[in-house]
C-alpha atoms as a PDB file:
ATOM      1  CA  UNK A   1     145.816  20.638 134.403  1.00  0.00           C
ATOM      2  CA  UNK A   2     149.309  20.092 133.174  1.00  0.00           C
ATOM      3  CA  UNK A   3     151.991  22.732 133.158  1.00  0.00           C
ATOM      4  CA  UNK A   4     155.145  22.666 131.042  1.00  0.00           C
ATOM      5  CA  UNK A   5     157.969  25.179 131.212  1.00  0.00           C
ATOM      6  CA  UNK A   6     160.691  25.238 128.576  1.00  0.00           C
ATOM      7  CA  UNK A   7     163.621  25.649 130.954  1.00  0.00           C
ATOM      8  CA  UNK A   8     166.008  26.208 128.029  1.00  0.00           C
ATOM      9  CA  UNK A   9     163.946  29.236 127.019  1.00  0.00           C
ATOM     10  CA  UNK A  10     163.316  30.527 130.564  1.00  0.00           C
ATOM     11  CA  UNK A  11     165.528  33.510 131.400  1.00  0.00           C
ATOM     12  CA  UNK A  12     164.616  33.779 135.099  1.00  0.00           C
ATOM     13  CA  UNK A  13     162.549  36.983 134.910  1.00  0.00           C
ATOM     14  CA  UNK A  14     160.361  35.503 137.712  1.00  0.00           C
ATOM     15  CA  UNK A  15     157.095  37.045 136.522  1.00  0.00           C
ATOM     16  CA  UNK A  16     155.478  33.620 136.932  1.00  0.00           C
ATOM     17  CA  UNK A  17     156.688  33.305 140.548  1.00  0.00           C
ATOM     18  CA  UNK A  18     155.270  36.751 141.295  1.00  0.00           C
ATOM     19  CA  UNK A  19     151.864  36.022 139.712  1.00  0.00           C
ATOM     20  CA  UNK A  20     151.431  32.383 140.822  1.00  0.00           C
ATOM     21  CA  UNK A  21     153.623  31.827 143.905  1.00  0.00           C
ATOM     22  CA  UNK A  22     151.780  28.622 144.853  1.00  0.00           C
ATOM     23  CA  UNK A  23     152.987  27.004 141.625  1.00  0.00           C
ATOM     24  CA  UNK A  24     156.311  28.676 140.721  1.00  0.00           C
ATOM     25  CA  UNK A  25     159.366  29.483 142.823  1.00  0.00           C
ATOM     26  CA  UNK A  26     162.798  30.757 141.966  1.00  0.00           C
ATOM     27  CA  UNK A  27     165.767  28.723 143.140  1.00  0.00           C
ATOM     28  CA  UNK A  28     168.712  31.083 143.245  1.00  0.00           C
ATOM     29  CA  UNK A  29     169.005  33.723 140.541  1.00  0.00           C
ATOM     30  CA  UNK A  30     167.991  31.702 137.487  1.00  0.00           C
ATOM     31  CA  UNK A  31     166.608  28.303 138.540  1.00  0.00           C
ATOM     32  CA  UNK A  32     162.860  27.880 138.301  1.00  0.00           C
ATOM     33  CA  UNK A  33     160.980  25.274 140.312  1.00  0.00           C
ATOM     34  CA  UNK A  34     157.352  24.475 139.503  1.00  0.00           C
ATOM     35  CA  UNK A  35     154.628  21.904 140.064  1.00  0.00           C
ATOM     36  CA  UNK A  36     153.781  20.318 136.657  1.00  0.00           C
ATOM     37  CA  UNK A  37     150.454  18.895 137.906  1.00  0.00           C
ATOM     38  CA  UNK A  38     148.513  21.884 139.149  1.00  0.00           C
ATOM     39  CA  UNK A  39     145.043  22.221 140.573  1.00  0.00           C
ATOM     40  CA  UNK A  40     142.199  23.580 138.434  1.00  0.00           C
ATOM     41  CA  UNK A  41     141.769  26.380 140.997  1.00  0.00           C
ATOM     42  CA  UNK A  42     145.088  27.831 139.781  1.00  0.00           C
ATOM     43  CA  UNK A  43     143.889  28.200 136.152  1.00  0.00           C
ATOM     44  CA  UNK A  44     143.464  32.002 136.186  1.00  0.00           C
ATOM     45  CA  UNK A  45     146.798  32.651 137.899  1.00  0.00           C
ATOM     46  CA  UNK A  46     148.561  30.261 135.518  1.00  0.00           C
ATOM     47  CA  UNK A  47     147.024  31.982 132.499  1.00  0.00           C
ATOM     48  CA  UNK A  48     148.265  35.331 133.826  1.00  0.00           C
ATOM     49  CA  UNK A  49     151.730  33.906 134.500  1.00  0.00           C
ATOM     50  CA  UNK A  50     151.960  32.361 131.018  1.00  0.00           C
ATOM     51  CA  UNK A  51     150.863  35.634 129.397  1.00  0.00           C
ATOM     52  CA  UNK A  52     153.360  37.642 131.461  1.00  0.00           C
ATOM     53  CA  UNK A  53     156.358  35.471 130.561  1.00  0.00           C
ATOM     54  CA  UNK A  54     158.575  37.679 128.363  1.00  0.00           C
ATOM     55  CA  UNK A  55     159.971  34.679 126.470  1.00  0.00           C
ATOM     56  CA  UNK A  56     156.719  32.641 126.350  1.00  0.00           C
ATOM     57  CA  UNK A  57     158.322  29.645 128.099  1.00  0.00           C
ATOM     58  CA  UNK A  58     155.133  28.499 129.886  1.00  0.00           C
ATOM     59  CA  UNK A  59     152.522  26.172 128.404  1.00  0.00           C
ATOM     60  CA  UNK A  60     149.307  25.438 130.313  1.00  0.00           C
ATOM     61  CA  UNK A  61     147.374  22.433 129.046  1.00  0.00           C
ATOM     62  CA  UNK A  62     144.070  20.944 130.159  1.00  0.00           C
ATOM     63  CA  UNK A  63     144.209  17.227 130.818  1.00  0.00           C
ATOM     64  CA  UNK A  64     140.904  15.567 130.136  1.00  0.00           C
ATOM     65  CA  UNK A  65     140.161  12.283 131.904  1.00  0.00           C
ATOM     66  CA  UNK A  66     138.171   9.865 129.716  1.00  0.00           C
ATOM     67  CA  UNK A  67     134.687   9.189 131.067  1.00  0.00           C
ATOM     68  CA  UNK A  68     135.295   5.445 131.283  1.00  0.00           C
ATOM     69  CA  UNK A  69     138.323   6.052 133.538  1.00  0.00           C
ATOM     70  CA  UNK A  70     136.162   8.038 135.945  1.00  0.00           C
ATOM     71  CA  UNK A  71     133.209   5.633 135.979  1.00  0.00           C
ATOM     72  CA  UNK A  72     135.274   2.453 135.757  1.00  0.00           C
ATOM     73  CA  UNK A  73     133.536   1.327 132.547  1.00  0.00           C
ATOM     74  CA  UNK A  74     135.320  -0.023 129.498  1.00  0.00           C
END
C-alpha cells in the first residue's frame, strides 16, 4: 500500500497519529511524520485515519504488483 499526505493541507489535528500510531507521528506541534510505504496489515487503521482527517489530507492507495514481476516472467 502507498500512503500520501498533502502536507500543505494538513493542519496538525493529529487524528491520524491517534488512530494509526505505527504509521503516523507528530513532530512538534504541527509537523507530521509518516511512513509512505505501509504494510497491508495497517489497511483498516489507515482507512479510519483517512476518514477522521478533518481536512481530508490523507490518501491511501493500493499498489498492485504485476504478475510477471512476482513470477519473473516477461
